Amino acid sequence: MLIDIVSDTICPWCFIGKRKLESAMQTRPDVTAEIGWRPFQLNPEMPRVGMSRDAYLSAKFGGADRASRIYETIRAAGAELGIPFRFDLIKRTPSTLDSHRLVRWATAEGLQDTLVEALFVAYFTEGADVGDLDVLERIAVECGMDQKTTRDRLQNDTDLDLIRQEDAMARSMGINGVPCFIIDRKYAVSGAQDVPVFQKVFDLALNETVPVPEMSDAD
């Protein structure tokens, strides 16, 4: 079974959705999945250098007070899954273009899921700026990627256009929010749904006898 996860590396519901998918997979030993992470930018107009967290919260939510109420719901949802969200540690909201490039490169090394997890943990529990190239290089090396190759790629525009193309492709498919889980390229689960929802879609996919058409992508 192929599971494409359209997500952003600074989307808290994507982190929650990852945990819920993992829980669903644990209940279904009959399901063997190949998981691929696909890029989506929640803030496509974000400057490459990012912006201060205060400025971001003011622009997106009208200020820190309203944002705090919204994030309290997310904190509670994360706590149930063992995710200790620390939004208070986040000082900058980054552009996610470079972190998406890093995820793409990790795919070729079989480290994609490991890297996505590390990015989520770094941003949401440590407040790390995952738009900073030095931070991304450190995370990549900790996940087993080659330091020099990673640094050289990050310092250039390697695969930048491909990330933008994949983001545009997701939007052209009608995806305007994440996470979105696409099962065998024909069944979609939108949002961080609970385990029974994933189980139902697994059953649909496993019982499908019609050949699944290939979905063009930028790989």
C-alpha atoms as a PDB file:
ATOM      1  CA  MET A   1       0.000   0.000   0.000  1.00  0.00           C
ATOM      2  CA  LEU A   2       1.265   3.438  -0.930  1.00  0.00           C
ATOM      3  CA  ILE A   3       0.579   6.307   1.465  1.00  0.00           C
ATOM      4  CA  ASP A   4       1.475   9.809   0.297  1.00  0.00           C
ATOM      5  CA  ILE A   5       1.338  12.357   3.126  1.00  0.00           C
ATOM      6  CA  VAL A   6       0.963  15.944   1.982  1.00  0.00           C
ATOM      7  CA  SER A   7       2.166  18.074   4.866  1.00  0.00           C
ATOM      8  CA  ASP A   8       4.153  21.040   6.057  1.00  0.00           C
ATOM      9  CA  THR A   9       7.073  20.764   8.448  1.00  0.00           C
ATOM     10  CA  ILE A  10       5.661  23.478  10.725  1.00  0.00           C
ATOM     11  CA  CYS A  11       2.101  22.146  10.795  1.00  0.00           C
ATOM     12  CA  PRO A  12       1.235  20.871  14.288  1.00  0.00           C
ATOM     13  CA  TRP A  13      -1.727  18.873  13.014  1.00  0.00           C
ATOM     14  CA  CYS A  14       0.642  17.119  10.613  1.00  0.00           C
ATOM     15  CA  PHE A  15       2.713  15.961  13.593  1.00  0.00           C
ATOM     16  CA  ILE A  16      -0.473  14.788  15.310  1.00  0.00           C
ATOM     17  CA  GLY A  17      -1.646  13.114  12.099  1.00  0.00           C
ATOM     18  CA  LYS A  18       1.667  11.273  11.827  1.00  0.00           C
ATOM     19  CA  ARG A  19       1.161   9.820  15.299  1.00  0.00           C
ATOM     20  CA  LYS A  20      -2.407   8.778  14.521  1.00  0.00           C
ATOM     21  CA  LEU A  21      -1.374   7.084  11.289  1.00  0.00           C
ATOM     22  CA  GLU A  22       1.360   5.234  13.175  1.00  0.00           C
ATOM     23  CA  SER A  23      -1.207   4.078  15.736  1.00  0.00           C
ATOM     24  CA  ALA A  24      -3.511   2.895  12.953  1.00  0.00           C
ATOM     25  CA  MET A  25      -0.676   0.979  11.317  1.00  0.00           C
ATOM     26  CA  GLN A  26       0.110  -0.759  14.602  1.00  0.00           C
ATOM     27  CA  THR A  27      -3.438  -2.112  14.726  1.00  0.00           C
ATOM     28  CA  ARG A  28      -3.168  -3.527  11.216  1.00  0.00           C
ATOM     29  CA  PRO A  29      -0.272  -5.979  10.825  1.00  0.00           C
ATOM     30  CA  ASP A  30      -1.845  -7.023   7.507  1.00  0.00           C
ATOM     31  CA  VAL A  31      -1.018  -3.593   6.049  1.00  0.00           C
ATOM     32  CA  THR A  32       2.442  -3.030   4.618  1.00  0.00           C
ATOM     33  CA  ALA A  33       2.868   0.566   3.576  1.00  0.00           C
ATOM     34  CA  GLU A  34       5.360   2.586   1.574  1.00  0.00           C
ATOM     35  CA  ILE A  35       5.120   6.109   2.953  1.00  0.00           C
ATOM     36  CA  GLY A  36       6.137   9.220   1.058  1.00  0.00           C
ATOM     37  CA  TRP A  37       6.061  12.770   2.402  1.00  0.00           C
ATOM     38  CA  ARG A  38       4.948  15.443  -0.069  1.00  0.00           C
ATOM     39  CA  PRO A  39       5.524  19.190   0.374  1.00  0.00           C
ATOM     40  CA  PHE A  40       2.906  21.804   1.105  1.00  0.00           C
ATOM     41  CA  GLN A  41       3.538  25.328   2.373  1.00  0.00           C
ATOM     42  CA  LEU A  42       1.059  26.735   4.838  1.00  0.00           C
ATOM     43  CA  ASN A  43       2.661  30.132   4.249  1.00  0.00           C
ATOM     44  CA  PRO A  44       3.777  30.183   0.603  1.00  0.00           C
ATOM     45  CA  GLU A  45       4.409  33.927   0.721  1.00  0.00           C
ATOM     46  CA  MET A  46       6.723  33.670   3.736  1.00  0.00           C
ATOM     47  CA  PRO A  47      10.133  35.321   3.101  1.00  0.00           C
ATOM     48  CA  ARG A  48      12.979  32.816   2.872  1.00  0.00           C
ATOM     49  CA  VAL A  49      14.416  34.267   6.094  1.00  0.00           C
ATOM     50  CA  GLY A  50      11.126  33.737   7.922  1.00  0.00           C
ATOM     51  CA  MET A  51       9.733  36.251  10.401  1.00  0.00           C
ATOM     52  CA  SER A  52       9.543  36.796  14.134  1.00  0.00           C
ATOM     53  CA  ARG A  53       6.968  34.675  15.910  1.00  0.00           C
ATOM     54  CA  ASP A  54       5.231  37.726  17.362  1.00  0.00           C
ATOM     55  CA  ALA A  55       4.824  39.295  13.927  1.00  0.00           C
ATOM     56  CA  TYR A  56       3.520  36.018  12.518  1.00  0.00           C
ATOM     57  CA  LEU A  57       0.967  35.491  15.279  1.00  0.00           C
ATOM     58  CA  SER A  58      -0.215  39.073  14.924  1.00  0.00           C
ATOM     59  CA  ALA A  59      -0.687  38.705  11.166  1.00  0.00           C
ATOM     60  CA  LYS A  60      -2.283  35.243  11.242  1.00  0.00           C
ATOM     61  CA  PHE A  61      -4.333  35.261  14.431  1.00  0.00           C
ATOM     62  CA  GLY A  62      -4.576  38.914  15.424  1.00  0.00           C
ATOM     63  CA  GLY A  63      -2.184  38.533  18.305  1.00  0.00           C
ATOM     64  CA  ALA A  64      -0.656  36.153  20.825  1.00  0.00           C
ATOM     65  CA  ASP A  65      -3.733  35.912  23.051  1.00  0.00           C
ATOM     66  CA  ARG A  66      -5.996  34.452  20.375  1.00  0.00           C
ATOM     67  CA  ALA A  67      -3.163  32.234  19.144  1.00  0.00           C
ATOM     68  CA  SER A  68      -2.664  30.912  22.659  1.00  0.00           C
ATOM     69  CA  ARG A  69      -6.291  29.790  22.842  1.00  0.00           C
ATOM     70  CA  ILE A  70      -6.000  28.015  19.508  1.00  0.00           C
ATOM     71  CA  TYR A  71      -2.711  26.378  20.430  1.00  0.00           C
ATOM     72  CA  GLU A  72      -4.121  25.162  23.746  1.00  0.00           C
ATOM     73  CA  THR A  73      -6.416  22.843  21.780  1.00  0.00           C
ATOM     74  CA  ILE A  74      -3.423  21.576  19.840  1.00  0.00           C
ATOM     75  CA  ARG A  75      -1.382  21.118  23.010  1.00  0.00           C
ATOM     76  CA  ALA A  76      -4.147  19.017  24.526  1.00  0.00           C
ATOM     77  CA  ALA A  77      -4.447  16.870  21.401  1.00  0.00           C
ATOM     78  CA  GLY A  78      -0.694  16.391  21.317  1.00  0.00           C
ATOM     79  CA  ALA A  79      -0.488  15.464  24.994  1.00  0.00           C
ATOM     80  CA  GLU A  80      -2.873  12.558  24.415  1.00  0.00           C
ATOM     81  CA  LEU A  81      -0.398  11.203  21.854  1.00  0.00           C
ATOM     82  CA  GLY A  82       2.778  11.879  23.809  1.00  0.00           C
ATOM     83  CA  ILE A  83       3.740  15.033  21.901  1.00  0.00           C
ATOM     84  CA  PRO A  84       4.948  17.762  24.312  1.00  0.00           C
ATOM     85  CA  PHE A  85       4.245  20.835  22.188  1.00  0.00           C
ATOM     86  CA  ARG A  86       6.269  23.861  23.338  1.00  0.00           C
ATOM     87  CA  PHE A  87       4.945  26.736  21.272  1.00  0.00           C
ATOM     88  CA  ASP A  88       6.404  29.111  23.852  1.00  0.00           C
ATOM     89  CA  LEU A  89       9.926  28.174  22.729  1.00  0.00           C
ATOM     90  CA  ILE A  90       9.346  29.131  19.090  1.00  0.00           C
ATOM     91  CA  LYS A  91      10.897  32.549  18.361  1.00  0.00           C
ATOM     92  CA  ARG A  92      10.703  32.562  14.562  1.00  0.00           C
ATOM     93  CA  THR A  93       8.236  31.184  12.036  1.00  0.00           C
ATOM     94  CA  PRO A  94      10.329  29.948   9.117  1.00  0.00           C
ATOM     95  CA  SER A  95       9.838  29.473   5.435  1.00  0.00           C
ATOM     96  CA  THR A  96       9.607  25.720   4.927  1.00  0.00           C
ATOM     97  CA  LEU A  97      11.054  25.562   1.420  1.00  0.00           C
ATOM     98  CA  ASP A  98      14.479  24.419   2.601  1.00  0.00           C
ATOM     99  CA  SER A  99      13.162  21.876   5.089  1.00  0.00           C
ATOM    100  CA  HIS A 100      11.052  20.374   2.301  1.00  0.00           C
ATOM    101  CA  ARG A 101      14.154  20.140   0.135  1.00  0.00           C
ATOM    102  CA  LEU A 102      15.880  18.279   2.952  1.00  0.00           C
ATOM    103  CA  VAL A 103      12.989  15.817   3.234  1.00  0.00           C
ATOM    104  CA  ARG A 104      13.204  15.196  -0.498  1.00  0.00           C
ATOM    105  CA  TRP A 105      16.906  14.358  -0.339  1.00  0.00           C
ATOM    106  CA  ALA A 106      16.371  12.077   2.649  1.00  0.00           C
ATOM    107  CA  THR A 107      13.993   9.984   0.558  1.00  0.00           C
ATOM    108  CA  ALA A 108      16.804   8.675  -1.651  1.00  0.00           C
ATOM    109  CA  GLU A 109      18.642   7.495   1.462  1.00  0.00           C
ATOM    110  CA  GLY A 110      15.657   5.824   3.085  1.00  0.00           C
ATOM    111  CA  LEU A 111      15.680   8.432   5.846  1.00  0.00           C
ATOM    112  CA  GLN A 112      12.582  10.410   4.944  1.00  0.00           C
ATOM    113  CA  ASP A 113      10.380   9.367   7.869  1.00  0.00           C
ATOM    114  CA  THR A 114      13.281   9.702  10.307  1.00  0.00           C
ATOM    115  CA  LEU A 115      13.995  13.204   9.081  1.00  0.00           C
ATOM    116  CA  VAL A 116      10.368  14.332   9.147  1.00  0.00           C
ATOM    117  CA  GLU A 117      10.106  13.137  12.745  1.00  0.00           C
ATOM    118  CA  ALA A 118      13.319  14.981  13.653  1.00  0.00           C
ATOM    119  CA  LEU A 119      12.073  18.210  12.061  1.00  0.00           C
ATOM    120  CA  PHE A 120       8.775  18.023  13.927  1.00  0.00           C
ATOM    121  CA  VAL A 121      10.519  17.334  17.237  1.00  0.00           C
ATOM    122  CA  ALA A 122      13.070  20.106  16.704  1.00  0.00           C
ATOM    123  CA  TYR A 123      10.497  22.746  15.818  1.00  0.00           C
ATOM    124  CA  PHE A 124       7.627  21.857  18.108  1.00  0.00           C
ATOM    125  CA  THR A 125       9.406  20.648  21.243  1.00  0.00           C
ATOM    126  CA  GLU A 126      12.703  22.558  21.097  1.00  0.00           C
ATOM    127  CA  GLY A 127      11.710  25.744  19.284  1.00  0.00           C
ATOM    128  CA  ALA A 128      14.459  25.247  16.684  1.00  0.00           C
ATOM    129  CA  ASP A 129      14.360  27.444  13.579  1.00  0.00           C
ATOM    130  CA  VAL A 130      13.915  24.816  10.861  1.00  0.00           C
ATOM    131  CA  GLY A 131      14.351  27.494   8.223  1.00  0.00           C
ATOM    132  CA  ASP A 132      17.937  28.124   9.320  1.00  0.00           C
ATOM    133  CA  LEU A 133      20.413  26.264   7.112  1.00  0.00           C
ATOM    134  CA  ASP A 134      22.792  25.475   9.979  1.00  0.00           C
ATOM    135  CA  VAL A 135      19.930  23.968  11.972  1.00  0.00           C
ATOM    136  CA  LEU A 136      18.810  21.922   8.980  1.00  0.00           C
ATOM    137  CA  GLU A 137      22.352  20.693   8.387  1.00  0.00           C
ATOM    138  CA  ARG A 138      22.633  19.612  12.022  1.00  0.00           C
ATOM    139  CA  ILE A 139      19.337  17.729  11.916  1.00  0.00           C
ATOM    140  CA  ALA A 140      20.282  16.035   8.654  1.00  0.00           C
ATOM    141  CA  VAL A 141      23.608  14.827  10.040  1.00  0.00           C
ATOM    142  CA  GLU A 142      21.943  13.556  13.217  1.00  0.00           C
ATOM    143  CA  CYS A 143      19.593  11.538  11.003  1.00  0.00           C
ATOM    144  CA  GLY A 144      22.506   9.975   9.114  1.00  0.00           C
ATOM    145  CA  MET A 145      22.818  12.199   6.053  1.00  0.00           C
ATOM    146  CA  ASP A 146      26.188  13.283   4.703  1.00  0.00           C
ATOM    147  CA  GLN A 147      27.199  16.670   6.069  1.00  0.00           C
ATOM    148  CA  LYS A 148      29.142  18.036   3.103  1.00  0.00           C
ATOM    149  CA  THR A 149      26.583  16.948   0.509  1.00  0.00           C
ATOM    150  CA  THR A 150      23.762  18.388   2.572  1.00  0.00           C
ATOM    151  CA  ARG A 151      25.576  21.682   3.129  1.00  0.00           C
ATOM    152  CA  ASP A 152      26.400  22.063  -0.563  1.00  0.00           C
ATOM    153  CA  ARG A 153      22.799  21.410  -1.578  1.00  0.00           C
ATOM    154  CA  LEU A 154      21.325  23.737   1.020  1.00  0.00           C
ATOM    155  CA  GLN A 155      23.642  26.567   0.013  1.00  0.00           C
ATOM    156  CA  ASN A 156      22.415  26.296  -3.577  1.00  0.00           C
ATOM    157  CA  ASP A 157      18.926  26.196  -5.052  1.00  0.00           C
ATOM    158  CA  THR A 158      19.012  22.450  -5.644  1.00  0.00           C
ATOM    159  CA  ASP A 159      15.451  21.134  -6.176  1.00  0.00           C
ATOM    160  CA  LEU A 160      13.881  24.427  -5.119  1.00  0.00           C
ATOM    161  CA  ASP A 161      11.720  24.597  -8.240  1.00  0.00           C
ATOM    162  CA  LEU A 162      10.677  20.962  -7.799  1.00  0.00           C
ATOM    163  CA  ILE A 163       9.387  21.673  -4.304  1.00  0.00           C
ATOM    164  CA  ARG A 164       7.373  24.599  -5.593  1.00  0.00           C
ATOM    165  CA  GLN A 165       6.006  22.422  -8.404  1.00  0.00           C
ATOM    166  CA  GLU A 166       4.905  19.702  -5.988  1.00  0.00           C
ATOM    167  CA  ASP A 167       3.266  22.294  -3.755  1.00  0.00           C
ATOM    168  CA  ALA A 168       1.417  23.681  -6.787  1.00  0.00           C
ATOM    169  CA  MET A 169       0.405  20.161  -7.846  1.00  0.00           C
ATOM    170  CA  ALA A 170      -1.131  19.491  -4.428  1.00  0.00           C
ATOM    171  CA  ARG A 171      -3.176  22.682  -4.675  1.00  0.00           C
ATOM    172  CA  SER A 172      -4.272  21.802  -8.214  1.00  0.00           C
ATOM    173  CA  MET A 173      -5.593  18.510  -6.808  1.00  0.00           C
ATOM    174  CA  GLY A 174      -7.821  20.495  -4.464  1.00  0.00           C
ATOM    175  CA  ILE A 175      -5.653  20.177  -1.351  1.00  0.00           C
ATOM    176  CA  ASN A 176      -5.854  23.457   0.546  1.00  0.00           C
ATOM    177  CA  GLY A 177      -5.067  22.236   4.034  1.00  0.00           C
ATOM    178  CA  VAL A 178      -2.820  19.643   5.620  1.00  0.00           C
ATOM    179  CA  PRO A 179      -2.247  16.947   6.579  1.00  0.00           C
ATOM    180  CA  CYS A 180      -3.780  15.042   3.701  1.00  0.00           C
ATOM    181  CA  PHE A 181      -3.149  11.301   3.455  1.00  0.00           C
ATOM    182  CA  ILE A 182      -3.562   9.812  -0.015  1.00  0.00           C
ATOM    183  CA  ILE A 183      -3.906   6.034   0.061  1.00  0.00           C
ATOM    184  CA  ASP A 184      -2.906   4.136  -3.083  1.00  0.00           C
ATOM    185  CA  ARG A 185      -3.325   7.381  -4.991  1.00  0.00           C
ATOM    186  CA  LYS A 186      -7.102   7.226  -4.922  1.00  0.00           C
ATOM    187  CA  TYR A 187      -8.422   7.459  -1.344  1.00  0.00           C
ATOM    188  CA  ALA A 188      -7.860  10.625   0.659  1.00  0.00           C
ATOM    189  CA  VAL A 189      -8.002  11.223   4.394  1.00  0.00           C
ATOM    190  CA  SER A 190      -8.044  14.934   5.122  1.00  0.00           C
ATOM    191  CA  GLY A 191      -6.880  16.144   8.513  1.00  0.00           C
ATOM    192  CA  ALA A 192      -5.504  14.387  11.589  1.00  0.00           C
ATOM    193  CA  GLN A 193      -8.281  11.822  11.748  1.00  0.00           C
ATOM    194  CA  ASP A 194      -8.664   9.175  14.421  1.00  0.00           C
ATOM    195  CA  VAL A 195      -7.523   5.572  14.015  1.00  0.00           C
ATOM    196  CA  PRO A 196     -10.913   4.113  12.904  1.00  0.00           C
ATOM    197  CA  VAL A 197     -10.973   6.447   9.902  1.00  0.00           C
ATOM    198  CA  PHE A 198      -7.589   5.175   8.724  1.00  0.00           C
ATOM    199  CA  GLN A 199      -8.675   1.589   9.326  1.00  0.00           C
ATOM    200  CA  LYS A 200     -11.735   2.056   7.150  1.00  0.00           C
ATOM    201  CA  VAL A 201      -9.664   3.491   4.295  1.00  0.00           C
ATOM    202  CA  PHE A 202      -7.132   0.661   4.648  1.00  0.00           C
ATOM    203  CA  ASP A 203      -9.997  -1.784   4.144  1.00  0.00           C
ATOM    204  CA  LEU A 204     -11.202   0.070   1.062  1.00  0.00           C
ATOM    205  CA  ALA A 205      -7.721   0.005  -0.449  1.00  0.00           C
ATOM    206  CA  LEU A 206      -7.088  -3.650   0.369  1.00  0.00           C
ATOM    207  CA  ASN A 207     -10.395  -4.687  -1.190  1.00  0.00           C
ATOM    208  CA  GLU A 208      -9.840  -2.634  -4.329  1.00  0.00           C
ATOM    209  CA  THR A 209      -9.371  -4.811  -7.401  1.00  0.00           C
ATOM    210  CA  VAL A 210      -9.223  -2.114 -10.056  1.00  0.00           C
ATOM    211  CA  PRO A 211      -5.632  -1.204 -11.081  1.00  0.00           C
ATOM    212  CA  VAL A 212      -4.553   2.117  -9.597  1.00  0.00           C
ATOM    213  CA  PRO A 213      -3.421   4.701 -12.195  1.00  0.00           C
ATOM    214  CA  GLU A 214      -0.059   6.358 -11.754  1.00  0.00           C
ATOM    215  CA  MET A 215      -0.072   9.903 -10.404  1.00  0.00           C
ATOM    216  CA  SER A 216       2.487  12.137 -12.057  1.00  0.00           C
ATOM    217  CA  ASP A 217       4.890  13.779  -9.656  1.00  0.00           C
ATOM    218  CA  ALA A 218       8.145  15.659  -9.659  1.00  0.00           C
ATOM    219  CA  ASP A 219      10.347  12.735  -8.637  1.00  0.00           C
END
